[in-house]
Amino acid sequence: MRFAPEAFPIVAPFFGLAVAALIWVGVSRSTLAITLAAVFAFLGLVLLAFFRDPVRHTPQGQGIVVSPADGKVLAVESLPDGRKHVAIFLSVFNVHVNRVPFSSQVQVVNNIPGSYFHAGSERASGNARVEVQAESVYGPVGWRQVSGAIARKIACGLKSGDRVKTGDRFGLIYFGSRMDVYLPASAELLAQPGQVVHAGESVIAKFPTEDK
């Protein structure tokens, strides 16, 4: 199993403490040291599992939009301005590595501070988030990493000018969160509320391709 590089600064201290406790065991044979070594090692493994980064096989085909995150679809809708919107909730048990929903060129990346309400609630729209605006052959597209009640850190490796492809790995949200995707009015939404989706693999929308 592959793990996201963001795991190292989070997981390393726990394994370091487990090693220190094992050294203490070797010196003192202390029952407490054995217990601490087991606890720190267990916590390190649990956290490491959160950062798992499995290989994903992105569907091939022009106009295909894939889910940027693992999780459950919260909303599939047309907005008042005509844009299409898909919202996905990630629980602490989901893979949290994020992937590009559609090939495009990044125009703006905004890191916006905010609150930390439960990511599945309506109030989550005001949570701390990273918003990416990009330009595709079908018009403006965007996606948004939203923090949750537990997730208080977002990693986004994109910057203005980057050219990205559908399914590319671009970041990670820590410990339960939400992803929003915004598409032009021409997109046909395929995702359904309640559907379980996988980042880089599940097709959530498509564009008409006859003129492209």
N, C-alpha and C. Protein backbone atom coordinates (compact mmCIF):
# COMPACT_ATOMS: atom_id res chain seq x y z
N MET A 1 0.84 -1.20 0.00
CA MET A 1 0.00 0.00 0.00
C MET A 1 0.88 1.25 0.00
N ARG A 2 0.55 2.19 -0.87
CA ARG A 2 1.27 3.46 -0.93
C ARG A 2 0.62 4.45 0.05
N PHE A 3 1.46 5.36 0.61
CA PHE A 3 0.95 6.34 1.56
C PHE A 3 1.34 7.74 1.10
N ALA A 4 0.49 8.70 1.39
CA ALA A 4 0.73 10.08 1.00
C ALA A 4 1.92 10.65 1.77
N PRO A 5 2.77 11.45 1.14
CA PRO A 5 3.94 12.02 1.82
C PRO A 5 3.57 12.94 2.97
N GLU A 6 2.34 13.47 2.96
CA GLU A 6 1.89 14.33 4.06
C GLU A 6 1.83 13.58 5.38
N ALA A 7 1.90 12.24 5.31
CA ALA A 7 1.81 11.43 6.53
C ALA A 7 3.03 11.59 7.43
N PHE A 8 4.19 11.82 6.85
CA PHE A 8 5.43 11.73 7.62
C PHE A 8 5.45 12.63 8.86
N PRO A 9 5.17 13.94 8.76
CA PRO A 9 5.27 14.77 9.97
C PRO A 9 4.21 14.45 11.02
N ILE A 10 3.13 13.79 10.61
CA ILE A 10 2.07 13.43 11.56
C ILE A 10 2.39 12.11 12.25
N VAL A 11 2.87 11.15 11.48
CA VAL A 11 3.06 9.78 11.97
C VAL A 11 4.41 9.58 12.65
N ALA A 12 5.45 10.25 12.14
CA ALA A 12 6.81 10.02 12.62
C ALA A 12 6.97 10.18 14.14
N PRO A 13 6.37 11.20 14.77
CA PRO A 13 6.55 11.32 16.23
C PRO A 13 6.04 10.11 17.01
N PHE A 14 4.94 9.51 16.56
CA PHE A 14 4.40 8.34 17.27
C PHE A 14 5.33 7.13 17.16
N PHE A 15 5.86 6.91 15.97
CA PHE A 15 6.81 5.81 15.82
C PHE A 15 8.11 6.10 16.55
N GLY A 16 8.51 7.38 16.59
CA GLY A 16 9.70 7.75 17.34
C GLY A 16 9.53 7.48 18.83
N LEU A 17 8.34 7.80 19.35
CA LEU A 17 8.07 7.52 20.77
C LEU A 17 8.01 6.02 21.03
N ALA A 18 7.48 5.26 20.07
CA ALA A 18 7.44 3.80 20.23
C ALA A 18 8.85 3.22 20.29
N VAL A 19 9.76 3.74 19.45
CA VAL A 19 11.15 3.28 19.46
C VAL A 19 11.81 3.64 20.78
N ALA A 20 11.56 4.87 21.26
CA ALA A 20 12.14 5.31 22.54
C ALA A 20 11.65 4.41 23.68
N ALA A 21 10.36 4.05 23.64
CA ALA A 21 9.82 3.18 24.68
C ALA A 21 10.44 1.79 24.61
N LEU A 22 10.71 1.32 23.39
CA LEU A 22 11.35 0.01 23.24
C LEU A 22 12.77 0.03 23.80
N ILE A 23 13.47 1.13 23.60
CA ILE A 23 14.81 1.26 24.18
C ILE A 23 14.72 1.22 25.70
N TRP A 24 13.71 1.88 26.24
CA TRP A 24 13.47 1.87 27.68
C TRP A 24 13.19 0.44 28.16
N VAL A 25 12.44 -0.32 27.34
CA VAL A 25 12.17 -1.72 27.68
C VAL A 25 13.47 -2.50 27.80
N GLY A 26 14.37 -2.26 26.83
CA GLY A 26 15.64 -2.98 26.83
C GLY A 26 16.49 -2.68 28.04
N VAL A 27 16.33 -1.48 28.56
CA VAL A 27 17.14 -1.07 29.72
C VAL A 27 16.50 -1.50 31.03
N SER A 28 15.17 -1.33 31.14
CA SER A 28 14.52 -1.50 32.44
C SER A 28 13.59 -2.71 32.55
N ARG A 29 13.20 -3.28 31.41
CA ARG A 29 12.20 -4.36 31.40
C ARG A 29 10.89 -3.90 32.03
N SER A 30 10.62 -2.62 31.96
CA SER A 30 9.44 -2.05 32.60
C SER A 30 8.17 -2.44 31.84
N THR A 31 7.16 -2.85 32.61
CA THR A 31 5.85 -3.14 32.01
C THR A 31 5.23 -1.88 31.42
N LEU A 32 5.43 -0.77 32.09
CA LEU A 32 4.92 0.50 31.59
C LEU A 32 5.54 0.84 30.24
N ALA A 33 6.83 0.60 30.09
CA ALA A 33 7.52 0.89 28.83
C ALA A 33 6.96 0.01 27.70
N ILE A 34 6.69 -1.24 27.99
CA ILE A 34 6.12 -2.14 26.98
C ILE A 34 4.74 -1.64 26.55
N THR A 35 3.94 -1.21 27.53
CA THR A 35 2.60 -0.70 27.24
C THR A 35 2.67 0.55 26.38
N LEU A 36 3.56 1.46 26.75
CA LEU A 36 3.70 2.70 25.99
C LEU A 36 4.17 2.43 24.57
N ALA A 37 5.10 1.51 24.39
CA ALA A 37 5.59 1.16 23.06
C ALA A 37 4.45 0.64 22.19
N ALA A 38 3.61 -0.21 22.79
CA ALA A 38 2.48 -0.78 22.04
C ALA A 38 1.47 0.30 21.68
N VAL A 39 1.18 1.20 22.62
CA VAL A 39 0.19 2.26 22.39
C VAL A 39 0.67 3.22 21.31
N PHE A 40 1.92 3.66 21.39
CA PHE A 40 2.44 4.60 20.39
C PHE A 40 2.51 3.96 19.00
N ALA A 41 2.91 2.70 18.95
CA ALA A 41 2.97 2.00 17.66
C ALA A 41 1.58 1.85 17.06
N PHE A 42 0.60 1.52 17.91
CA PHE A 42 -0.78 1.37 17.44
C PHE A 42 -1.31 2.69 16.89
N LEU A 43 -1.10 3.78 17.64
CA LEU A 43 -1.58 5.08 17.18
C LEU A 43 -0.91 5.49 15.87
N GLY A 44 0.38 5.20 15.75
CA GLY A 44 1.09 5.50 14.51
C GLY A 44 0.51 4.75 13.33
N LEU A 45 0.18 3.48 13.53
CA LEU A 45 -0.40 2.68 12.44
C LEU A 45 -1.80 3.16 12.06
N VAL A 46 -2.59 3.54 13.07
CA VAL A 46 -3.93 4.06 12.80
C VAL A 46 -3.85 5.33 11.97
N LEU A 47 -2.96 6.23 12.35
CA LEU A 47 -2.79 7.48 11.59
C LEU A 47 -2.25 7.21 10.20
N LEU A 48 -1.33 6.26 10.09
CA LEU A 48 -0.76 5.94 8.78
C LEU A 48 -1.85 5.44 7.83
N ALA A 49 -2.79 4.66 8.36
CA ALA A 49 -3.88 4.14 7.54
C ALA A 49 -4.71 5.28 6.96
N PHE A 50 -4.86 6.37 7.70
CA PHE A 50 -5.61 7.51 7.20
C PHE A 50 -4.96 8.10 5.95
N PHE A 51 -3.64 8.02 5.84
CA PHE A 51 -2.91 8.63 4.72
C PHE A 51 -2.68 7.66 3.56
N ARG A 52 -3.40 6.56 3.53
CA ARG A 52 -3.21 5.61 2.43
C ARG A 52 -3.55 6.29 1.10
N ASP A 53 -2.78 5.92 0.09
CA ASP A 53 -2.90 6.57 -1.22
C ASP A 53 -2.91 5.50 -2.30
N PRO A 54 -4.03 4.78 -2.45
CA PRO A 54 -4.07 3.67 -3.41
C PRO A 54 -3.97 4.15 -4.85
N VAL A 55 -3.46 3.28 -5.70
CA VAL A 55 -3.39 3.57 -7.13
C VAL A 55 -4.81 3.63 -7.68
N ARG A 56 -5.09 4.62 -8.49
CA ARG A 56 -6.40 4.77 -9.10
C ARG A 56 -6.27 4.75 -10.62
N HIS A 57 -7.26 4.15 -11.27
CA HIS A 57 -7.26 4.04 -12.73
C HIS A 57 -8.36 4.94 -13.29
N THR A 58 -7.94 6.09 -13.81
CA THR A 58 -8.89 7.10 -14.29
C THR A 58 -9.47 6.69 -15.63
N PRO A 59 -10.80 6.73 -15.77
CA PRO A 59 -11.43 6.38 -17.06
C PRO A 59 -10.93 7.29 -18.18
N GLN A 60 -10.77 6.71 -19.34
CA GLN A 60 -10.32 7.47 -20.50
C GLN A 60 -11.54 7.89 -21.32
N GLY A 61 -11.47 9.06 -21.91
CA GLY A 61 -12.57 9.54 -22.74
C GLY A 61 -12.69 11.03 -22.64
N GLN A 62 -12.98 11.67 -23.75
CA GLN A 62 -13.09 13.12 -23.78
C GLN A 62 -14.36 13.57 -23.06
N GLY A 63 -14.25 14.62 -22.29
CA GLY A 63 -15.41 15.19 -21.63
C GLY A 63 -15.80 14.55 -20.33
N ILE A 64 -15.04 13.57 -19.85
CA ILE A 64 -15.38 12.86 -18.61
C ILE A 64 -14.87 13.63 -17.38
N VAL A 65 -15.76 13.85 -16.41
CA VAL A 65 -15.42 14.50 -15.15
C VAL A 65 -15.45 13.44 -14.05
N VAL A 66 -14.36 13.33 -13.29
CA VAL A 66 -14.30 12.31 -12.23
C VAL A 66 -14.41 12.94 -10.86
N SER A 67 -14.75 12.13 -9.90
CA SER A 67 -14.82 12.61 -8.52
C SER A 67 -13.43 13.01 -8.03
N PRO A 68 -13.32 14.15 -7.35
CA PRO A 68 -12.03 14.56 -6.79
C PRO A 68 -11.73 13.92 -5.45
N ALA A 69 -12.70 13.17 -4.90
CA ALA A 69 -12.51 12.63 -3.56
C ALA A 69 -13.30 11.35 -3.37
N ASP A 70 -12.84 10.51 -2.44
CA ASP A 70 -13.63 9.37 -1.97
C ASP A 70 -14.69 9.89 -1.01
N GLY A 71 -15.86 9.24 -1.00
CA GLY A 71 -16.88 9.64 -0.05
C GLY A 71 -18.27 9.41 -0.56
N LYS A 72 -19.22 10.12 0.04
CA LYS A 72 -20.63 9.99 -0.31
C LYS A 72 -21.13 11.31 -0.89
N VAL A 73 -21.85 11.24 -1.99
CA VAL A 73 -22.37 12.45 -2.65
C VAL A 73 -23.47 13.06 -1.78
N LEU A 74 -23.29 14.34 -1.43
CA LEU A 74 -24.27 15.06 -0.62
C LEU A 74 -25.28 15.80 -1.48
N ALA A 75 -24.81 16.41 -2.56
CA ALA A 75 -25.69 17.24 -3.39
C ALA A 75 -25.29 17.15 -4.85
N VAL A 76 -26.30 17.16 -5.72
CA VAL A 76 -26.12 17.21 -7.17
C VAL A 76 -27.15 18.21 -7.66
N GLU A 77 -26.71 19.37 -8.15
CA GLU A 77 -27.68 20.42 -8.43
C GLU A 77 -27.20 21.40 -9.48
N SER A 78 -28.19 22.13 -10.02
CA SER A 78 -27.91 23.28 -10.88
C SER A 78 -28.07 24.53 -10.04
N LEU A 79 -27.09 25.41 -10.07
CA LEU A 79 -27.12 26.63 -9.28
C LEU A 79 -27.90 27.73 -10.02
N PRO A 80 -28.33 28.77 -9.32
CA PRO A 80 -29.09 29.85 -9.97
C PRO A 80 -28.37 30.49 -11.15
N ASP A 81 -27.04 30.51 -11.13
CA ASP A 81 -26.29 31.10 -12.24
C ASP A 81 -26.08 30.14 -13.40
N GLY A 82 -26.65 28.91 -13.29
CA GLY A 82 -26.55 27.93 -14.37
C GLY A 82 -25.45 26.91 -14.20
N ARG A 83 -24.49 27.19 -13.32
CA ARG A 83 -23.42 26.22 -13.10
C ARG A 83 -23.95 24.95 -12.45
N LYS A 84 -23.22 23.85 -12.64
CA LYS A 84 -23.56 22.58 -12.01
C LYS A 84 -22.66 22.37 -10.79
N HIS A 85 -23.23 21.77 -9.75
CA HIS A 85 -22.52 21.61 -8.48
C HIS A 85 -22.69 20.20 -7.95
N VAL A 86 -21.58 19.59 -7.54
CA VAL A 86 -21.58 18.29 -6.88
C VAL A 86 -20.80 18.44 -5.58
N ALA A 87 -21.41 18.01 -4.45
CA ALA A 87 -20.75 18.06 -3.15
C ALA A 87 -20.55 16.63 -2.64
N ILE A 88 -19.37 16.38 -2.07
CA ILE A 88 -19.00 15.04 -1.60
C ILE A 88 -18.49 15.13 -0.17
N PHE A 89 -19.03 14.29 0.70
CA PHE A 89 -18.60 14.25 2.10
C PHE A 89 -17.63 13.11 2.31
N LEU A 90 -16.50 13.40 2.97
CA LEU A 90 -15.49 12.40 3.30
C LEU A 90 -15.52 12.14 4.80
N SER A 91 -15.76 10.91 5.20
CA SER A 91 -15.68 10.57 6.61
C SER A 91 -14.22 10.27 6.97
N VAL A 92 -13.95 10.07 8.25
CA VAL A 92 -12.58 9.79 8.68
C VAL A 92 -12.10 8.44 8.14
N PHE A 93 -13.00 7.61 7.67
CA PHE A 93 -12.62 6.28 7.18
C PHE A 93 -12.30 6.27 5.69
N ASN A 94 -12.59 7.36 4.99
CA ASN A 94 -12.32 7.42 3.56
C ASN A 94 -10.85 7.73 3.27
N VAL A 95 -10.38 7.36 2.08
CA VAL A 95 -9.11 7.85 1.57
C VAL A 95 -9.27 9.36 1.38
N HIS A 96 -8.30 10.14 1.84
CA HIS A 96 -8.42 11.60 1.79
C HIS A 96 -7.52 12.28 0.77
N VAL A 97 -6.85 11.52 -0.04
CA VAL A 97 -6.07 12.10 -1.14
C VAL A 97 -7.05 12.61 -2.19
N ASN A 98 -6.82 13.84 -2.66
CA ASN A 98 -7.71 14.48 -3.63
C ASN A 98 -7.10 14.46 -5.03
N ARG A 99 -7.99 14.36 -6.03
CA ARG A 99 -7.55 14.28 -7.42
C ARG A 99 -8.30 15.28 -8.29
N VAL A 100 -7.66 15.71 -9.36
CA VAL A 100 -8.24 16.71 -10.27
C VAL A 100 -9.47 16.14 -10.97
N PRO A 101 -10.61 16.85 -10.92
CA PRO A 101 -11.81 16.31 -11.57
C PRO A 101 -11.81 16.41 -13.08
N PHE A 102 -11.10 17.41 -13.64
CA PHE A 102 -11.13 17.57 -15.10
C PHE A 102 -9.89 18.32 -15.57
N SER A 103 -9.36 17.92 -16.71
CA SER A 103 -8.16 18.55 -17.27
C SER A 103 -8.40 20.05 -17.51
N SER A 104 -7.46 20.86 -17.05
CA SER A 104 -7.65 22.30 -17.13
C SER A 104 -6.34 23.01 -16.77
N GLN A 105 -6.37 24.33 -16.86
CA GLN A 105 -5.24 25.14 -16.40
C GLN A 105 -5.69 25.98 -15.22
N VAL A 106 -4.95 25.86 -14.12
CA VAL A 106 -5.30 26.57 -12.90
C VAL A 106 -5.13 28.08 -13.10
N GLN A 107 -6.16 28.83 -12.72
CA GLN A 107 -6.11 30.28 -12.80
C GLN A 107 -5.85 30.92 -11.44
N VAL A 108 -6.59 30.47 -10.43
CA VAL A 108 -6.49 31.07 -9.09
C VAL A 108 -6.60 29.97 -8.04
N VAL A 109 -5.79 30.07 -6.99
CA VAL A 109 -5.91 29.20 -5.82
C VAL A 109 -6.06 30.10 -4.60
N ASN A 110 -7.21 30.02 -3.93
CA ASN A 110 -7.48 30.87 -2.77
C ASN A 110 -7.56 30.03 -1.50
N ASN A 111 -6.77 30.39 -0.51
CA ASN A 111 -6.83 29.76 0.82
C ASN A 111 -7.65 30.67 1.72
N ILE A 112 -8.86 30.23 2.08
CA ILE A 112 -9.81 31.09 2.77
C ILE A 112 -10.02 30.60 4.20
N PRO A 113 -9.72 31.40 5.20
CA PRO A 113 -9.97 30.99 6.60
C PRO A 113 -11.46 30.94 6.88
N GLY A 114 -11.83 30.21 7.93
CA GLY A 114 -13.24 30.11 8.28
C GLY A 114 -13.45 29.28 9.52
N SER A 115 -14.67 28.81 9.69
CA SER A 115 -15.04 28.02 10.85
C SER A 115 -14.76 26.54 10.62
N TYR A 116 -15.18 25.70 11.57
CA TYR A 116 -14.92 24.27 11.49
C TYR A 116 -16.16 23.47 11.90
N PHE A 117 -17.27 23.75 11.24
CA PHE A 117 -18.48 22.99 11.48
C PHE A 117 -18.37 21.62 10.81
N HIS A 118 -19.28 20.72 11.18
CA HIS A 118 -19.31 19.39 10.56
C HIS A 118 -19.42 19.55 9.05
N ALA A 119 -18.55 18.85 8.30
CA ALA A 119 -18.47 19.04 6.86
C ALA A 119 -19.73 18.63 6.11
N GLY A 120 -20.58 17.82 6.75
CA GLY A 120 -21.81 17.40 6.09
C GLY A 120 -22.98 18.31 6.34
N SER A 121 -22.79 19.37 7.12
CA SER A 121 -23.89 20.28 7.45
C SER A 121 -23.94 21.46 6.49
N GLU A 122 -25.08 22.16 6.48
CA GLU A 122 -25.23 23.33 5.62
C GLU A 122 -24.28 24.44 6.02
N ARG A 123 -23.94 24.52 7.30
CA ARG A 123 -23.05 25.58 7.79
C ARG A 123 -21.61 25.40 7.31
N ALA A 124 -21.29 24.24 6.73
CA ALA A 124 -19.92 23.97 6.29
C ALA A 124 -19.48 24.89 5.17
N SER A 125 -20.43 25.57 4.50
CA SER A 125 -20.05 26.47 3.41
C SER A 125 -19.18 27.62 3.90
N GLY A 126 -19.24 27.90 5.23
CA GLY A 126 -18.39 28.95 5.79
C GLY A 126 -17.13 28.43 6.44
N ASN A 127 -16.85 27.13 6.27
CA ASN A 127 -15.64 26.55 6.87
C ASN A 127 -14.38 27.01 6.16
N ALA A 128 -13.24 26.84 6.82
CA ALA A 128 -11.95 27.08 6.18
C ALA A 128 -11.84 26.20 4.95
N ARG A 129 -11.29 26.74 3.87
CA ARG A 129 -11.31 26.00 2.61
C ARG A 129 -10.24 26.52 1.66
N VAL A 130 -9.96 25.69 0.66
CA VAL A 130 -9.09 26.09 -0.45
C VAL A 130 -9.92 25.98 -1.73
N GLU A 131 -10.04 27.09 -2.45
CA GLU A 131 -10.82 27.12 -3.67
C GLU A 131 -9.89 27.23 -4.88
N VAL A 132 -10.12 26.35 -5.85
CA VAL A 132 -9.32 26.34 -7.08
C VAL A 132 -10.22 26.71 -8.25
N GLN A 133 -9.83 27.73 -8.99
CA GLN A 133 -10.53 28.12 -10.20
C GLN A 133 -9.63 27.81 -11.39
N ALA A 134 -10.20 27.15 -12.41
CA ALA A 134 -9.40 26.72 -13.55
C ALA A 134 -10.18 26.92 -14.84
N GLU A 135 -9.47 26.87 -15.94
CA GLU A 135 -10.09 27.04 -17.26
C GLU A 135 -9.88 25.78 -18.07
N SER A 136 -10.99 25.25 -18.60
CA SER A 136 -10.93 24.04 -19.43
C SER A 136 -11.42 24.36 -20.84
N VAL A 137 -11.37 23.37 -21.72
CA VAL A 137 -11.84 23.59 -23.09
C VAL A 137 -13.36 23.79 -23.13
N TYR A 138 -14.05 23.46 -22.03
CA TYR A 138 -15.49 23.65 -21.96
C TYR A 138 -15.89 24.87 -21.15
N GLY A 139 -14.91 25.62 -20.69
CA GLY A 139 -15.20 26.79 -19.89
C GLY A 139 -14.64 26.68 -18.48
N PRO A 140 -15.00 27.63 -17.60
CA PRO A 140 -14.46 27.64 -16.23
C PRO A 140 -14.93 26.42 -15.44
N VAL A 141 -14.01 25.81 -14.72
CA VAL A 141 -14.33 24.73 -13.77
C VAL A 141 -13.67 25.09 -12.44
N GLY A 142 -14.19 24.52 -11.38
CA GLY A 142 -13.62 24.80 -10.07
C GLY A 142 -13.87 23.68 -9.11
N TRP A 143 -13.04 23.61 -8.09
CA TRP A 143 -13.26 22.64 -7.01
C TRP A 143 -12.78 23.25 -5.71
N ARG A 144 -13.35 22.75 -4.62
CA ARG A 144 -13.11 23.37 -3.32
C ARG A 144 -12.90 22.31 -2.26
N GLN A 145 -11.78 22.39 -1.56
CA GLN A 145 -11.49 21.53 -0.42
C GLN A 145 -11.98 22.24 0.83
N VAL A 146 -12.89 21.59 1.56
CA VAL A 146 -13.50 22.22 2.73
C VAL A 146 -13.13 21.44 3.98
N SER A 147 -12.66 22.12 5.00
CA SER A 147 -12.32 21.47 6.26
C SER A 147 -13.59 21.06 7.00
N GLY A 148 -13.43 20.20 8.01
CA GLY A 148 -14.57 19.77 8.82
C GLY A 148 -14.34 20.06 10.28
N ALA A 149 -15.12 19.41 11.14
CA ALA A 149 -15.01 19.64 12.57
C ALA A 149 -13.70 19.10 13.13
N ILE A 150 -13.19 18.03 12.51
CA ILE A 150 -11.92 17.43 12.95
C ILE A 150 -10.78 17.90 12.04
N ALA A 151 -11.05 17.92 10.75
CA ALA A 151 -10.01 18.31 9.79
C ALA A 151 -9.74 19.80 9.88
N ARG A 152 -8.56 20.17 10.31
CA ARG A 152 -8.23 21.59 10.44
C ARG A 152 -6.99 21.94 9.63
N LYS A 153 -6.68 21.09 8.67
CA LYS A 153 -5.54 21.36 7.82
C LYS A 153 -5.83 20.83 6.42
N ILE A 154 -5.48 21.63 5.43
CA ILE A 154 -5.70 21.27 4.03
C ILE A 154 -4.39 21.40 3.29
N ALA A 155 -4.04 20.38 2.52
CA ALA A 155 -2.85 20.42 1.67
C ALA A 155 -3.29 20.53 0.22
N CYS A 156 -2.82 21.55 -0.47
CA CYS A 156 -3.11 21.73 -1.91
C CYS A 156 -1.81 22.09 -2.61
N GLY A 157 -1.41 21.26 -3.56
CA GLY A 157 -0.14 21.47 -4.24
C GLY A 157 -0.24 22.25 -5.52
N LEU A 158 -1.38 22.92 -5.76
CA LEU A 158 -1.58 23.64 -7.02
C LEU A 158 -1.26 25.12 -6.87
N LYS A 159 -0.90 25.73 -8.01
CA LYS A 159 -0.67 27.17 -8.05
C LYS A 159 -1.11 27.69 -9.40
N SER A 160 -1.29 28.99 -9.50
CA SER A 160 -1.73 29.62 -10.74
C SER A 160 -0.79 29.27 -11.89
N GLY A 161 -1.36 28.88 -13.01
CA GLY A 161 -0.58 28.53 -14.19
C GLY A 161 -0.36 27.04 -14.39
N ASP A 162 -0.59 26.25 -13.35
CA ASP A 162 -0.40 24.79 -13.47
C ASP A 162 -1.39 24.20 -14.47
N ARG A 163 -0.89 23.31 -15.32
CA ARG A 163 -1.76 22.53 -16.20
C ARG A 163 -1.94 21.15 -15.58
N VAL A 164 -3.17 20.76 -15.36
CA VAL A 164 -3.45 19.50 -14.67
C VAL A 164 -4.34 18.62 -15.54
N LYS A 165 -4.23 17.32 -15.31
CA LYS A 165 -5.00 16.35 -16.06
C LYS A 165 -6.01 15.66 -15.16
N THR A 166 -7.08 15.21 -15.76
CA THR A 166 -8.11 14.47 -15.03
C THR A 166 -7.48 13.31 -14.26
N GLY A 167 -7.73 13.25 -12.96
CA GLY A 167 -7.21 12.17 -12.13
C GLY A 167 -5.88 12.44 -11.47
N ASP A 168 -5.22 13.57 -11.80
CA ASP A 168 -3.95 13.90 -11.16
C ASP A 168 -4.15 14.10 -9.65
N ARG A 169 -3.20 13.61 -8.88
CA ARG A 169 -3.22 13.85 -7.44
C ARG A 169 -2.80 15.30 -7.19
N PHE A 170 -3.56 16.04 -6.35
CA PHE A 170 -3.18 17.43 -6.13
C PHE A 170 -3.17 17.85 -4.66
N GLY A 171 -3.71 17.03 -3.76
CA GLY A 171 -3.72 17.47 -2.37
C GLY A 171 -4.41 16.49 -1.45
N LEU A 172 -4.73 16.97 -0.26
CA LEU A 172 -5.29 16.11 0.78
C LEU A 172 -5.95 17.00 1.84
N ILE A 173 -7.08 16.51 2.38
CA ILE A 173 -7.72 17.18 3.52
C ILE A 173 -7.64 16.21 4.70
N TYR A 174 -7.34 16.73 5.87
CA TYR A 174 -7.07 15.87 7.02
C TYR A 174 -8.33 15.53 7.82
N PHE A 175 -8.56 14.25 8.05
CA PHE A 175 -9.49 13.74 9.06
C PHE A 175 -10.95 14.18 8.92
N GLY A 176 -11.58 13.85 7.81
CA GLY A 176 -13.01 14.14 7.64
C GLY A 176 -13.22 15.51 7.04
N SER A 177 -13.93 15.59 5.91
CA SER A 177 -14.00 16.86 5.20
C SER A 177 -15.03 16.81 4.09
N ARG A 178 -14.93 17.75 3.15
CA ARG A 178 -15.90 17.86 2.06
C ARG A 178 -15.19 18.38 0.81
N MET A 179 -15.66 17.93 -0.36
CA MET A 179 -15.19 18.46 -1.64
C MET A 179 -16.38 18.95 -2.44
N ASP A 180 -16.23 20.11 -3.06
CA ASP A 180 -17.25 20.65 -3.96
C ASP A 180 -16.65 20.80 -5.35
N VAL A 181 -17.45 20.47 -6.37
CA VAL A 181 -17.03 20.63 -7.76
C VAL A 181 -18.03 21.54 -8.46
N TYR A 182 -17.53 22.50 -9.23
CA TYR A 182 -18.37 23.43 -9.97
C TYR A 182 -18.04 23.32 -11.46
N LEU A 183 -19.08 23.14 -12.27
CA LEU A 183 -18.90 22.92 -13.70
C LEU A 183 -19.78 23.87 -14.50
N PRO A 184 -19.43 24.13 -15.76
CA PRO A 184 -20.27 24.98 -16.61
C PRO A 184 -21.66 24.36 -16.82
N ALA A 185 -22.60 25.19 -17.26
CA ALA A 185 -23.98 24.74 -17.46
C ALA A 185 -24.09 23.62 -18.49
N SER A 186 -23.12 23.52 -19.38
CA SER A 186 -23.18 22.49 -20.43
C SER A 186 -22.92 21.08 -19.92
N ALA A 187 -22.40 20.95 -18.69
CA ALA A 187 -22.09 19.63 -18.14
C ALA A 187 -23.37 18.86 -17.82
N GLU A 188 -23.35 17.57 -18.10
CA GLU A 188 -24.44 16.67 -17.73
C GLU A 188 -24.05 15.95 -16.45
N LEU A 189 -24.81 16.16 -15.38
CA LEU A 189 -24.50 15.54 -14.11
C LEU A 189 -24.92 14.08 -14.10
N LEU A 190 -24.02 13.21 -13.67
CA LEU A 190 -24.30 11.77 -13.62
C LEU A 190 -24.33 11.22 -12.20
N ALA A 191 -23.72 11.92 -11.26
CA ALA A 191 -23.71 11.48 -9.87
C ALA A 191 -25.11 11.58 -9.27
N GLN A 192 -25.35 10.76 -8.26
CA GLN A 192 -26.64 10.76 -7.57
C GLN A 192 -26.43 10.99 -6.08
N PRO A 193 -27.32 11.75 -5.41
CA PRO A 193 -27.19 11.92 -3.96
C PRO A 193 -27.17 10.58 -3.25
N GLY A 194 -26.24 10.42 -2.31
CA GLY A 194 -26.10 9.18 -1.58
C GLY A 194 -25.15 8.19 -2.23
N GLN A 195 -24.73 8.45 -3.45
CA GLN A 195 -23.82 7.55 -4.16
C GLN A 195 -22.43 7.58 -3.51
N VAL A 196 -21.80 6.42 -3.41
CA VAL A 196 -20.43 6.33 -2.93
C VAL A 196 -19.50 6.45 -4.13
N VAL A 197 -18.56 7.38 -4.06
CA VAL A 197 -17.66 7.64 -5.18
C VAL A 197 -16.21 7.49 -4.76
N HIS A 198 -15.34 7.31 -5.75
CA HIS A 198 -13.91 7.14 -5.50
C HIS A 198 -13.12 8.14 -6.33
N ALA A 199 -12.16 8.79 -5.69
CA ALA A 199 -11.37 9.83 -6.34
C ALA A 199 -10.64 9.30 -7.56
N GLY A 200 -10.76 10.03 -8.66
CA GLY A 200 -10.03 9.68 -9.86
C GLY A 200 -10.62 8.56 -10.68
N GLU A 201 -11.68 7.92 -10.17
CA GLU A 201 -12.26 6.76 -10.87
C GLU A 201 -13.75 6.92 -11.17
N SER A 202 -14.53 7.40 -10.22
CA SER A 202 -15.98 7.51 -10.41
C SER A 202 -16.32 8.70 -11.31
N VAL A 203 -17.07 8.47 -12.35
CA VAL A 203 -17.49 9.54 -13.26
C VAL A 203 -18.70 10.23 -12.66
N ILE A 204 -18.60 11.54 -12.42
CA ILE A 204 -19.70 12.28 -11.81
C ILE A 204 -20.42 13.19 -12.79
N ALA A 205 -19.80 13.44 -13.94
CA ALA A 205 -20.42 14.29 -14.96
C ALA A 205 -19.69 14.09 -16.28
N LYS A 206 -20.29 14.62 -17.35
CA LYS A 206 -19.62 14.60 -18.65
C LYS A 206 -20.06 15.80 -19.45
N PHE A 207 -19.19 16.19 -20.39
CA PHE A 207 -19.50 17.28 -21.30
C PHE A 207 -19.85 16.70 -22.66
N PRO A 208 -20.70 17.41 -23.41
CA PRO A 208 -20.96 16.99 -24.80
C PRO A 208 -19.67 17.13 -25.61
N THR A 209 -19.36 16.17 -26.42
CA THR A 209 -18.06 16.14 -27.10
C THR A 209 -18.14 16.29 -28.61
N GLU A 210 -19.34 16.40 -29.17
CA GLU A 210 -19.45 16.40 -30.62
C GLU A 210 -18.73 17.55 -31.30
N ASP A 211 -18.63 18.72 -30.60
CA ASP A 211 -17.99 19.87 -31.21
C ASP A 211 -16.57 20.07 -30.75
N LYS A 212 -16.05 19.08 -29.96
CA LYS A 212 -14.70 19.27 -29.41
C LYS A 212 -13.73 18.30 -30.06
